[in-house]
Amino acid sequence: MKPYLVLIHGNATSEATEQEWSRFFSEARDSGLFRGGSEIGKRTILGNHQSAKSTDHLVGYLRFDATERQKIVDLLARHPVVLHGGSVELCELPES
């Protein structure tokens, strides 16, 4: 199994319904691949350099473990942000 991180962008062109979110998370849990996630809340920057506010465009994340990346891609095609014209970004994480 490889670990994956999904970054959820805040660029949907319309709001998803609670029913759409419930359906997606039900499918994600039923897939056996879903390992959790969250909205992104308040942030604190440490260090001396200013950076772009990641929370201006990233609004949440999801974690998955899978042997086949395509299974996650197929599930994410039904993600509410994607269904409403926005983007999610699937990132393979290095194994530790």
N, C-alpha and C. Protein backbone atom coordinates (compact mmCIF):
# COMPACT_ATOMS: atom_id res chain seq x y z
N MET A 1 0.84 -1.18 0.00
CA MET A 1 0.00 0.00 0.00
C MET A 1 0.88 1.24 0.00
N LYS A 2 0.51 2.19 -0.82
CA LYS A 2 1.21 3.47 -0.86
C LYS A 2 0.32 4.53 -0.22
N PRO A 3 0.94 5.47 0.53
CA PRO A 3 0.16 6.55 1.13
C PRO A 3 -0.02 7.70 0.13
N TYR A 4 -1.18 8.31 0.19
CA TYR A 4 -1.51 9.44 -0.68
C TYR A 4 -2.13 10.56 0.14
N LEU A 5 -1.86 11.78 -0.29
CA LEU A 5 -2.45 12.98 0.28
C LEU A 5 -3.24 13.68 -0.82
N VAL A 6 -4.44 14.08 -0.51
CA VAL A 6 -5.26 14.84 -1.45
C VAL A 6 -5.40 16.25 -0.90
N LEU A 7 -4.98 17.24 -1.68
CA LEU A 7 -5.15 18.64 -1.32
C LEU A 7 -6.42 19.15 -1.99
N ILE A 8 -7.30 19.73 -1.20
CA ILE A 8 -8.58 20.22 -1.72
C ILE A 8 -8.46 21.73 -1.92
N HIS A 9 -8.62 22.15 -3.15
CA HIS A 9 -8.54 23.57 -3.48
C HIS A 9 -9.90 24.23 -3.27
N GLY A 10 -9.88 25.49 -2.90
CA GLY A 10 -11.10 26.24 -2.66
C GLY A 10 -11.56 26.98 -3.90
N ASN A 11 -11.60 26.29 -5.04
CA ASN A 11 -11.92 26.97 -6.29
C ASN A 11 -13.20 26.45 -6.96
N ALA A 12 -14.07 25.82 -6.19
CA ALA A 12 -15.34 25.36 -6.76
C ALA A 12 -16.16 26.57 -7.21
N THR A 13 -16.90 26.39 -8.28
CA THR A 13 -17.69 27.51 -8.82
C THR A 13 -19.08 27.58 -8.19
N SER A 14 -19.45 26.56 -7.42
CA SER A 14 -20.72 26.58 -6.69
C SER A 14 -20.57 25.72 -5.44
N GLU A 15 -21.50 25.85 -4.52
CA GLU A 15 -21.45 25.13 -3.25
C GLU A 15 -21.99 23.72 -3.39
N ALA A 16 -21.30 22.78 -2.79
CA ALA A 16 -21.79 21.40 -2.73
C ALA A 16 -22.85 21.30 -1.63
N THR A 17 -23.76 20.38 -1.81
CA THR A 17 -24.80 20.16 -0.80
C THR A 17 -24.28 19.22 0.28
N GLU A 18 -24.94 19.25 1.41
CA GLU A 18 -24.58 18.33 2.49
C GLU A 18 -24.77 16.88 2.04
N GLN A 19 -25.79 16.65 1.22
CA GLN A 19 -26.04 15.30 0.70
C GLN A 19 -24.86 14.83 -0.17
N GLU A 20 -24.31 15.73 -1.00
CA GLU A 20 -23.16 15.36 -1.84
C GLU A 20 -21.94 15.01 -0.98
N TRP A 21 -21.71 15.81 0.06
CA TRP A 21 -20.59 15.52 0.96
C TRP A 21 -20.80 14.19 1.68
N SER A 22 -22.00 13.96 2.17
CA SER A 22 -22.29 12.69 2.87
C SER A 22 -22.09 11.50 1.95
N ARG A 23 -22.57 11.61 0.72
CA ARG A 23 -22.44 10.51 -0.25
C ARG A 23 -20.96 10.23 -0.54
N PHE A 24 -20.18 11.31 -0.75
CA PHE A 24 -18.76 11.12 -1.04
C PHE A 24 -18.04 10.44 0.13
N PHE A 25 -18.25 10.94 1.35
CA PHE A 25 -17.54 10.36 2.49
C PHE A 25 -18.00 8.94 2.79
N SER A 26 -19.24 8.65 2.51
CA SER A 26 -19.72 7.27 2.65
C SER A 26 -19.00 6.36 1.66
N GLU A 27 -18.88 6.80 0.41
CA GLU A 27 -18.16 6.02 -0.61
C GLU A 27 -16.69 5.88 -0.25
N ALA A 28 -16.09 6.97 0.26
CA ALA A 28 -14.67 6.94 0.63
C ALA A 28 -14.44 5.93 1.75
N ARG A 29 -15.28 5.96 2.79
CA ARG A 29 -15.14 5.00 3.89
C ARG A 29 -15.36 3.57 3.40
N ASP A 30 -16.38 3.38 2.58
CA ASP A 30 -16.69 2.04 2.07
C ASP A 30 -15.59 1.48 1.17
N SER A 31 -14.78 2.36 0.57
CA SER A 31 -13.71 1.91 -0.32
C SER A 31 -12.61 1.15 0.43
N GLY A 32 -12.49 1.41 1.74
CA GLY A 32 -11.42 0.81 2.52
C GLY A 32 -10.08 1.50 2.35
N LEU A 33 -10.04 2.54 1.53
CA LEU A 33 -8.80 3.26 1.23
C LEU A 33 -8.64 4.53 2.06
N PHE A 34 -9.74 5.08 2.54
CA PHE A 34 -9.78 6.37 3.22
C PHE A 34 -9.18 6.27 4.61
N ARG A 35 -8.27 7.20 4.93
CA ARG A 35 -7.60 7.22 6.23
C ARG A 35 -7.86 8.49 7.02
N GLY A 36 -8.74 9.35 6.54
CA GLY A 36 -9.07 10.56 7.29
C GLY A 36 -8.79 11.82 6.51
N GLY A 37 -9.04 12.93 7.17
CA GLY A 37 -8.83 14.23 6.55
C GLY A 37 -9.51 15.31 7.38
N SER A 38 -9.42 16.52 6.90
CA SER A 38 -9.98 17.64 7.65
C SER A 38 -10.02 18.89 6.79
N GLU A 39 -10.85 19.82 7.21
CA GLU A 39 -10.73 21.18 6.68
C GLU A 39 -9.45 21.77 7.24
N ILE A 40 -8.95 22.82 6.63
CA ILE A 40 -7.77 23.50 7.15
C ILE A 40 -8.25 24.75 7.87
N GLY A 41 -7.83 24.89 9.10
CA GLY A 41 -8.26 26.02 9.92
C GLY A 41 -7.21 27.11 9.98
N LYS A 42 -7.17 27.77 11.12
CA LYS A 42 -6.24 28.87 11.37
C LYS A 42 -4.81 28.40 11.19
N ARG A 43 -3.96 29.28 10.67
CA ARG A 43 -2.58 28.89 10.44
C ARG A 43 -1.62 29.81 11.18
N THR A 44 -0.44 29.30 11.44
CA THR A 44 0.65 30.05 12.05
C THR A 44 1.89 29.80 11.21
N ILE A 45 2.55 30.87 10.81
CA ILE A 45 3.78 30.75 10.02
C ILE A 45 4.96 30.96 10.94
N LEU A 46 5.93 30.06 10.85
CA LEU A 46 7.17 30.18 11.60
C LEU A 46 8.30 30.43 10.62
N GLY A 47 9.25 31.24 11.00
CA GLY A 47 10.37 31.55 10.12
C GLY A 47 10.37 33.02 9.76
N ASN A 48 11.39 33.42 9.01
CA ASN A 48 11.60 34.83 8.72
C ASN A 48 11.06 35.31 7.38
N HIS A 49 10.61 34.39 6.54
CA HIS A 49 10.19 34.79 5.20
C HIS A 49 8.69 34.69 5.04
N GLN A 50 8.13 35.68 4.39
CA GLN A 50 6.70 35.65 4.08
C GLN A 50 6.47 34.64 2.96
N SER A 51 5.34 34.02 2.99
CA SER A 51 4.97 33.11 1.92
C SER A 51 3.51 33.33 1.58
N ALA A 52 3.12 32.85 0.44
CA ALA A 52 1.71 32.95 0.07
C ALA A 52 0.88 32.21 1.10
N LYS A 53 -0.30 32.71 1.38
CA LYS A 53 -1.18 32.06 2.34
C LYS A 53 -1.77 30.82 1.71
N SER A 54 -1.30 29.67 2.16
CA SER A 54 -1.81 28.42 1.59
C SER A 54 -3.30 28.28 1.80
N THR A 55 -3.81 28.85 2.88
CA THR A 55 -5.24 28.73 3.16
C THR A 55 -6.08 29.64 2.28
N ASP A 56 -5.43 30.48 1.46
CA ASP A 56 -6.19 31.26 0.47
C ASP A 56 -6.67 30.36 -0.66
N HIS A 57 -6.01 29.24 -0.88
CA HIS A 57 -6.42 28.36 -1.98
C HIS A 57 -6.57 26.90 -1.57
N LEU A 58 -5.99 26.49 -0.45
CA LEU A 58 -6.18 25.12 0.03
C LEU A 58 -7.14 25.15 1.22
N VAL A 59 -8.19 24.36 1.14
CA VAL A 59 -9.22 24.42 2.18
C VAL A 59 -9.35 23.11 2.96
N GLY A 60 -8.65 22.07 2.52
CA GLY A 60 -8.74 20.80 3.24
C GLY A 60 -7.80 19.77 2.66
N TYR A 61 -7.76 18.62 3.33
CA TYR A 61 -6.93 17.52 2.85
C TYR A 61 -7.61 16.20 3.19
N LEU A 62 -7.23 15.17 2.47
CA LEU A 62 -7.69 13.80 2.71
C LEU A 62 -6.48 12.88 2.65
N ARG A 63 -6.54 11.76 3.37
CA ARG A 63 -5.48 10.76 3.32
C ARG A 63 -6.05 9.45 2.83
N PHE A 64 -5.31 8.78 1.97
CA PHE A 64 -5.69 7.47 1.45
C PHE A 64 -4.46 6.57 1.43
N ASP A 65 -4.69 5.27 1.53
CA ASP A 65 -3.66 4.26 1.29
C ASP A 65 -4.21 3.33 0.21
N ALA A 66 -3.41 3.07 -0.82
CA ALA A 66 -3.90 2.22 -1.91
C ALA A 66 -2.74 1.54 -2.62
N THR A 67 -3.02 0.38 -3.19
CA THR A 67 -2.05 -0.29 -4.04
C THR A 67 -2.20 0.19 -5.48
N GLU A 68 -3.39 0.66 -5.83
CA GLU A 68 -3.66 1.16 -7.18
C GLU A 68 -4.13 2.61 -7.12
N ARG A 69 -3.30 3.50 -7.62
CA ARG A 69 -3.62 4.93 -7.65
C ARG A 69 -4.95 5.20 -8.34
N GLN A 70 -5.25 4.45 -9.40
CA GLN A 70 -6.45 4.68 -10.20
C GLN A 70 -7.73 4.56 -9.37
N LYS A 71 -7.72 3.72 -8.35
CA LYS A 71 -8.91 3.58 -7.50
C LYS A 71 -9.21 4.88 -6.77
N ILE A 72 -8.17 5.59 -6.35
CA ILE A 72 -8.37 6.88 -5.70
C ILE A 72 -8.82 7.91 -6.73
N VAL A 73 -8.20 7.90 -7.90
CA VAL A 73 -8.59 8.83 -8.98
C VAL A 73 -10.07 8.65 -9.31
N ASP A 74 -10.52 7.41 -9.42
CA ASP A 74 -11.92 7.14 -9.73
C ASP A 74 -12.84 7.67 -8.64
N LEU A 75 -12.46 7.50 -7.39
CA LEU A 75 -13.25 8.02 -6.27
C LEU A 75 -13.27 9.54 -6.28
N LEU A 76 -12.12 10.16 -6.53
CA LEU A 76 -12.04 11.63 -6.51
C LEU A 76 -12.81 12.28 -7.65
N ALA A 77 -13.08 11.55 -8.70
CA ALA A 77 -13.90 12.09 -9.79
C ALA A 77 -15.30 12.43 -9.28
N ARG A 78 -15.69 11.85 -8.14
CA ARG A 78 -17.00 12.12 -7.56
C ARG A 78 -16.91 13.02 -6.33
N HIS A 79 -15.75 13.63 -6.11
CA HIS A 79 -15.57 14.55 -4.98
C HIS A 79 -16.43 15.79 -5.22
N PRO A 80 -17.14 16.29 -4.21
CA PRO A 80 -18.03 17.44 -4.39
C PRO A 80 -17.35 18.68 -4.97
N VAL A 81 -16.11 18.95 -4.61
CA VAL A 81 -15.43 20.12 -5.17
C VAL A 81 -15.23 19.93 -6.68
N VAL A 82 -14.85 18.73 -7.09
CA VAL A 82 -14.67 18.44 -8.52
C VAL A 82 -16.01 18.55 -9.25
N LEU A 83 -17.06 18.00 -8.65
CA LEU A 83 -18.39 18.05 -9.27
C LEU A 83 -18.89 19.48 -9.44
N HIS A 84 -18.36 20.39 -8.63
CA HIS A 84 -18.78 21.79 -8.69
C HIS A 84 -17.71 22.67 -9.34
N GLY A 85 -16.92 22.09 -10.25
CA GLY A 85 -16.00 22.87 -11.07
C GLY A 85 -14.66 23.18 -10.45
N GLY A 86 -14.37 22.66 -9.27
CA GLY A 86 -13.10 22.94 -8.61
C GLY A 86 -12.08 21.83 -8.80
N SER A 87 -11.01 21.90 -8.02
CA SER A 87 -9.88 20.99 -8.18
C SER A 87 -9.49 20.33 -6.86
N VAL A 88 -9.05 19.09 -6.98
CA VAL A 88 -8.35 18.40 -5.90
C VAL A 88 -7.04 17.90 -6.49
N GLU A 89 -6.04 17.77 -5.65
CA GLU A 89 -4.70 17.39 -6.12
C GLU A 89 -4.26 16.12 -5.39
N LEU A 90 -4.00 15.07 -6.14
CA LEU A 90 -3.59 13.78 -5.56
C LEU A 90 -2.07 13.70 -5.56
N CYS A 91 -1.48 13.54 -4.37
CA CYS A 91 -0.03 13.49 -4.21
C CYS A 91 0.37 12.16 -3.59
N GLU A 92 1.28 11.46 -4.25
CA GLU A 92 1.83 10.24 -3.67
C GLU A 92 2.88 10.64 -2.64
N LEU A 93 2.81 10.06 -1.46
CA LEU A 93 3.77 10.37 -0.41
C LEU A 93 4.88 9.33 -0.40
N PRO A 94 6.11 9.75 -0.10
CA PRO A 94 7.19 8.78 -0.02
C PRO A 94 6.94 7.83 1.15
N GLU A 95 7.31 6.60 0.97
CA GLU A 95 7.16 5.63 2.05
C GLU A 95 8.26 5.86 3.07
N SER A 96 7.88 5.76 4.34
CA SER A 96 8.88 5.99 5.39
C SER A 96 9.24 4.72 6.10
